[in-house]
Amino acid sequence: MRKKYLIIMAVFGIAVLFAATGIYAGTTAPDVVKMDNKAYSAHKKGIVTFSHKKHVEDYKAGCGECHHDANNKPLDNLKAGDDVQNCIDCHKKPSERPKGKGAPKLNKKQRLEYHAEAIHYNCKGCHKKFNRKTKTKKAPTTCAKCHPKKKK
């Protein structure tokens, strides 16, 4: 009877360990994120490769500098293992805002409904702030510096 009890406890313990590991692994940010969102049927520019690790460790970027809540308040209290929504979950239109002659005039809130606009607004804003602070141009602010040339 005692042996059976020990086996059941061991199996239960292993199951809990696997479950906890699966939950943690499923919500941990990879060191490098390829910004290839499947919501887009095609990408007009090369896919950005974002170094999450470099931004956090080298540039000391806090979580709230990119991640925010529905009211645009920074999520500064995130930690490894927390569940974080993908940008497309809230910025639902997989494209940039309409541009050119005849395009509707959009306010900031309407522009940020577009996924690419929200990401560009966030990244470029932070990069410009970094460049002003460091009096450099190290952080890219143009398309070609982040988007590699597409392979033909």
C-alpha atoms as a PDB file:
ATOM      1  CA  MET A   1       0.000   0.000   0.000  1.00  0.00           C
ATOM      2  CA  ARG A   2       2.797   2.415   0.926  1.00  0.00           C
ATOM      3  CA  LYS A   3       4.653   1.716  -2.334  1.00  0.00           C
ATOM      4  CA  LYS A   4       1.489   2.457  -4.351  1.00  0.00           C
ATOM      5  CA  TYR A   5       1.063   5.762  -2.459  1.00  0.00           C
ATOM      6  CA  LEU A   6       4.670   6.780  -3.202  1.00  0.00           C
ATOM      7  CA  ILE A   7       4.255   5.980  -6.909  1.00  0.00           C
ATOM      8  CA  ILE A   8       1.060   8.065  -7.101  1.00  0.00           C
ATOM      9  CA  MET A   9       2.773  10.996  -5.338  1.00  0.00           C
ATOM     10  CA  ALA A  10       5.811  10.760  -7.635  1.00  0.00           C
ATOM     11  CA  VAL A  11       3.629  10.758 -10.761  1.00  0.00           C
ATOM     12  CA  PHE A  12       1.603  13.678  -9.392  1.00  0.00           C
ATOM     13  CA  GLY A  13       4.794  15.609  -8.571  1.00  0.00           C
ATOM     14  CA  ILE A  14       6.212  15.059 -12.048  1.00  0.00           C
ATOM     15  CA  ALA A  15       2.901  16.141 -13.635  1.00  0.00           C
ATOM     16  CA  VAL A  16       2.902  19.369 -11.596  1.00  0.00           C
ATOM     17  CA  LEU A  17       6.515  20.033 -12.576  1.00  0.00           C
ATOM     18  CA  PHE A  18       5.735  19.564 -16.292  1.00  0.00           C
ATOM     19  CA  ALA A  19       2.637  21.763 -16.055  1.00  0.00           C
ATOM     20  CA  ALA A  20       4.542  24.548 -14.299  1.00  0.00           C
ATOM     21  CA  THR A  21       7.378  24.341 -16.804  1.00  0.00           C
ATOM     22  CA  GLY A  22       4.924  24.470 -19.720  1.00  0.00           C
ATOM     23  CA  ILE A  23       3.172  27.524 -18.315  1.00  0.00           C
ATOM     24  CA  TYR A  24       6.463  29.327 -17.684  1.00  0.00           C
ATOM     25  CA  ALA A  25       7.974  28.408 -21.066  1.00  0.00           C
ATOM     26  CA  GLY A  26       4.820  29.467 -22.896  1.00  0.00           C
ATOM     27  CA  THR A  27       5.010  33.010 -21.534  1.00  0.00           C
ATOM     28  CA  THR A  28       8.756  33.684 -21.503  1.00  0.00           C
ATOM     29  CA  ALA A  29       9.960  36.123 -24.151  1.00  0.00           C
ATOM     30  CA  PRO A  30      12.556  34.677 -26.501  1.00  0.00           C
ATOM     31  CA  ASP A  31      15.902  36.488 -26.737  1.00  0.00           C
ATOM     32  CA  VAL A  32      15.207  37.384 -30.380  1.00  0.00           C
ATOM     33  CA  VAL A  33      11.757  37.976 -31.823  1.00  0.00           C
ATOM     34  CA  LYS A  34      11.145  37.822 -35.558  1.00  0.00           C
ATOM     35  CA  MET A  35       8.352  40.363 -36.150  1.00  0.00           C
ATOM     36  CA  ASP A  36       6.610  38.154 -38.710  1.00  0.00           C
ATOM     37  CA  ASN A  37       2.946  38.414 -37.749  1.00  0.00           C
ATOM     38  CA  LYS A  38       0.664  35.902 -39.464  1.00  0.00           C
ATOM     39  CA  ALA A  39      -2.173  38.482 -39.536  1.00  0.00           C
ATOM     40  CA  TYR A  40      -0.480  39.951 -42.625  1.00  0.00           C
ATOM     41  CA  SER A  41      -1.136  38.163 -45.900  1.00  0.00           C
ATOM     42  CA  ALA A  42       2.081  39.640 -47.295  1.00  0.00           C
ATOM     43  CA  HIS A  43       4.861  41.889 -46.016  1.00  0.00           C
ATOM     44  CA  LYS A  44       5.897  44.890 -48.115  1.00  0.00           C
ATOM     45  CA  LYS A  45       9.244  45.281 -46.356  1.00  0.00           C
ATOM     46  CA  GLY A  46      11.775  42.858 -44.898  1.00  0.00           C
ATOM     47  CA  ILE A  47      10.900  41.329 -41.529  1.00  0.00           C
ATOM     48  CA  VAL A  48      12.355  43.093 -38.488  1.00  0.00           C
ATOM     49  CA  THR A  49      14.377  40.966 -36.095  1.00  0.00           C
ATOM     50  CA  PHE A  50      13.944  42.434 -32.613  1.00  0.00           C
ATOM     51  CA  SER A  51      16.437  41.617 -29.880  1.00  0.00           C
ATOM     52  CA  HIS A  52      14.354  41.511 -26.709  1.00  0.00           C
ATOM     53  CA  LYS A  53      17.420  40.511 -24.687  1.00  0.00           C
ATOM     54  CA  LYS A  54      19.553  43.393 -26.000  1.00  0.00           C
ATOM     55  CA  HIS A  55      16.840  45.970 -25.276  1.00  0.00           C
ATOM     56  CA  VAL A  56      16.332  44.702 -21.725  1.00  0.00           C
ATOM     57  CA  GLU A  57      19.937  43.953 -20.757  1.00  0.00           C
ATOM     58  CA  ASP A  58      22.059  46.397 -22.792  1.00  0.00           C
ATOM     59  CA  TYR A  59      19.678  49.361 -23.088  1.00  0.00           C
ATOM     60  CA  LYS A  60      17.969  48.778 -19.711  1.00  0.00           C
ATOM     61  CA  ALA A  61      14.521  49.174 -21.292  1.00  0.00           C
ATOM     62  CA  GLY A  62      11.782  48.466 -18.790  1.00  0.00           C
ATOM     63  CA  CYS A  63       8.793  46.316 -19.754  1.00  0.00           C
ATOM     64  CA  GLY A  64       6.466  49.328 -19.699  1.00  0.00           C
ATOM     65  CA  GLU A  65       8.436  51.070 -22.428  1.00  0.00           C
ATOM     66  CA  CYS A  66       6.845  48.696 -24.954  1.00  0.00           C
ATOM     67  CA  HIS A  67       4.077  46.856 -23.124  1.00  0.00           C
ATOM     68  CA  HIS A  68       1.004  48.784 -21.991  1.00  0.00           C
ATOM     69  CA  ASP A  69      -2.573  48.214 -20.891  1.00  0.00           C
ATOM     70  CA  ALA A  70      -5.821  49.152 -22.671  1.00  0.00           C
ATOM     71  CA  ASN A  71      -5.526  52.697 -21.280  1.00  0.00           C
ATOM     72  CA  ASN A  72      -1.968  53.035 -22.622  1.00  0.00           C
ATOM     73  CA  LYS A  73      -0.522  52.883 -19.115  1.00  0.00           C
ATOM     74  CA  PRO A  74       2.918  51.191 -19.010  1.00  0.00           C
ATOM     75  CA  LEU A  75       3.047  47.648 -17.667  1.00  0.00           C
ATOM     76  CA  ASP A  76       6.157  48.276 -15.584  1.00  0.00           C
ATOM     77  CA  ASN A  77       5.479  45.397 -13.201  1.00  0.00           C
ATOM     78  CA  LEU A  78       5.874  42.565 -15.740  1.00  0.00           C
ATOM     79  CA  LYS A  79       8.275  39.764 -14.938  1.00  0.00           C
ATOM     80  CA  ALA A  80       9.485  36.616 -16.671  1.00  0.00           C
ATOM     81  CA  GLY A  81       6.636  34.158 -16.954  1.00  0.00           C
ATOM     82  CA  ASP A  82       3.828  36.754 -17.081  1.00  0.00           C
ATOM     83  CA  ASP A  83       1.317  36.332 -19.872  1.00  0.00           C
ATOM     84  CA  VAL A  84       1.664  39.225 -22.317  1.00  0.00           C
ATOM     85  CA  GLN A  85      -0.708  39.880 -25.190  1.00  0.00           C
ATOM     86  CA  ASN A  86       0.575  40.269 -28.722  1.00  0.00           C
ATOM     87  CA  CYS A  87       0.248  43.809 -30.130  1.00  0.00           C
ATOM     88  CA  ILE A  88      -2.193  42.590 -32.808  1.00  0.00           C
ATOM     89  CA  ASP A  89      -4.659  41.573 -30.077  1.00  0.00           C
ATOM     90  CA  CYS A  90      -5.528  45.258 -29.543  1.00  0.00           C
ATOM     91  CA  HIS A  91      -4.093  46.989 -32.620  1.00  0.00           C
ATOM     92  CA  LYS A  92      -6.240  44.782 -34.837  1.00  0.00           C
ATOM     93  CA  LYS A  93      -5.835  46.212 -38.349  1.00  0.00           C
ATOM     94  CA  PRO A  94      -2.833  44.414 -39.899  1.00  0.00           C
ATOM     95  CA  SER A  95      -1.423  47.268 -41.952  1.00  0.00           C
ATOM     96  CA  GLU A  96      -0.335  50.863 -41.883  1.00  0.00           C
ATOM     97  CA  ARG A  97      -2.912  53.637 -41.948  1.00  0.00           C
ATOM     98  CA  PRO A  98      -4.175  54.709 -45.382  1.00  0.00           C
ATOM     99  CA  LYS A  99      -1.938  57.379 -46.876  1.00  0.00           C
ATOM    100  CA  GLY A 100      -1.941  59.605 -49.906  1.00  0.00           C
ATOM    101  CA  LYS A 101      -4.515  61.653 -51.744  1.00  0.00           C
ATOM    102  CA  GLY A 102      -8.041  60.956 -50.569  1.00  0.00           C
ATOM    103  CA  ALA A 103      -6.952  59.084 -47.447  1.00  0.00           C
ATOM    104  CA  PRO A 104      -9.113  59.904 -44.432  1.00  0.00           C
ATOM    105  CA  LYS A 105      -7.685  62.190 -41.754  1.00  0.00           C
ATOM    106  CA  LEU A 106      -7.207  60.079 -38.634  1.00  0.00           C
ATOM    107  CA  ASN A 107      -6.607  61.133 -35.061  1.00  0.00           C
ATOM    108  CA  LYS A 108      -3.951  59.382 -32.949  1.00  0.00           C
ATOM    109  CA  LYS A 109      -6.387  56.849 -31.473  1.00  0.00           C
ATOM    110  CA  GLN A 110      -7.635  55.887 -34.958  1.00  0.00           C
ATOM    111  CA  ARG A 111      -4.063  55.612 -36.284  1.00  0.00           C
ATOM    112  CA  LEU A 112      -3.093  53.295 -33.440  1.00  0.00           C
ATOM    113  CA  GLU A 113      -5.841  50.849 -34.436  1.00  0.00           C
ATOM    114  CA  TYR A 114      -3.423  49.886 -37.230  1.00  0.00           C
ATOM    115  CA  HIS A 115      -0.869  47.325 -36.038  1.00  0.00           C
ATOM    116  CA  ALA A 116       2.089  48.670 -38.029  1.00  0.00           C
ATOM    117  CA  GLU A 117       1.330  52.247 -36.966  1.00  0.00           C
ATOM    118  CA  ALA A 118       1.285  51.261 -33.284  1.00  0.00           C
ATOM    119  CA  ILE A 119       4.595  49.417 -33.533  1.00  0.00           C
ATOM    120  CA  HIS A 120       6.281  52.174 -35.549  1.00  0.00           C
ATOM    121  CA  TYR A 121       4.950  54.842 -33.182  1.00  0.00           C
ATOM    122  CA  ASN A 122       6.272  52.946 -30.165  1.00  0.00           C
ATOM    123  CA  CYS A 123       9.670  51.970 -31.567  1.00  0.00           C
ATOM    124  CA  LYS A 124      10.490  55.209 -33.368  1.00  0.00           C
ATOM    125  CA  GLY A 125       9.391  57.308 -30.414  1.00  0.00           C
ATOM    126  CA  CYS A 126      11.648  55.393 -28.047  1.00  0.00           C
ATOM    127  CA  HIS A 127      14.550  55.437 -30.515  1.00  0.00           C
ATOM    128  CA  LYS A 128      14.258  59.210 -31.033  1.00  0.00           C
ATOM    129  CA  LYS A 129      14.173  59.718 -27.258  1.00  0.00           C
ATOM    130  CA  PHE A 130      17.292  57.525 -26.876  1.00  0.00           C
ATOM    131  CA  ASN A 131      19.120  59.460 -29.607  1.00  0.00           C
ATOM    132  CA  ARG A 132      18.277  62.809 -27.978  1.00  0.00           C
ATOM    133  CA  LYS A 133      19.366  61.526 -24.550  1.00  0.00           C
ATOM    134  CA  THR A 134      22.686  60.122 -25.830  1.00  0.00           C
ATOM    135  CA  LYS A 135      23.261  62.851 -28.451  1.00  0.00           C
ATOM    136  CA  THR A 136      23.828  60.088 -31.023  1.00  0.00           C
ATOM    137  CA  LYS A 137      22.019  58.466 -33.892  1.00  0.00           C
ATOM    138  CA  LYS A 138      22.634  54.904 -32.678  1.00  0.00           C
ATOM    139  CA  ALA A 139      18.956  53.960 -32.451  1.00  0.00           C
ATOM    140  CA  PRO A 140      17.449  53.557 -35.937  1.00  0.00           C
ATOM    141  CA  THR A 141      14.549  55.791 -36.981  1.00  0.00           C
ATOM    142  CA  THR A 142      14.250  55.019 -40.694  1.00  0.00           C
ATOM    143  CA  CYS A 143      12.679  52.055 -42.497  1.00  0.00           C
ATOM    144  CA  ALA A 144      15.878  50.615 -43.978  1.00  0.00           C
ATOM    145  CA  LYS A 145      17.709  50.550 -40.637  1.00  0.00           C
ATOM    146  CA  CYS A 146      15.203  48.092 -39.088  1.00  0.00           C
ATOM    147  CA  HIS A 147      13.652  46.384 -42.113  1.00  0.00           C
ATOM    148  CA  PRO A 148      16.272  44.392 -44.054  1.00  0.00           C
ATOM    149  CA  LYS A 149      16.029  44.338 -47.832  1.00  0.00           C
ATOM    150  CA  LYS A 150      13.618  41.680 -49.008  1.00  0.00           C
ATOM    151  CA  LYS A 151      15.160  38.699 -50.741  1.00  0.00           C
ATOM    152  CA  LYS A 152      13.978  38.323 -54.316  1.00  0.00           C
END
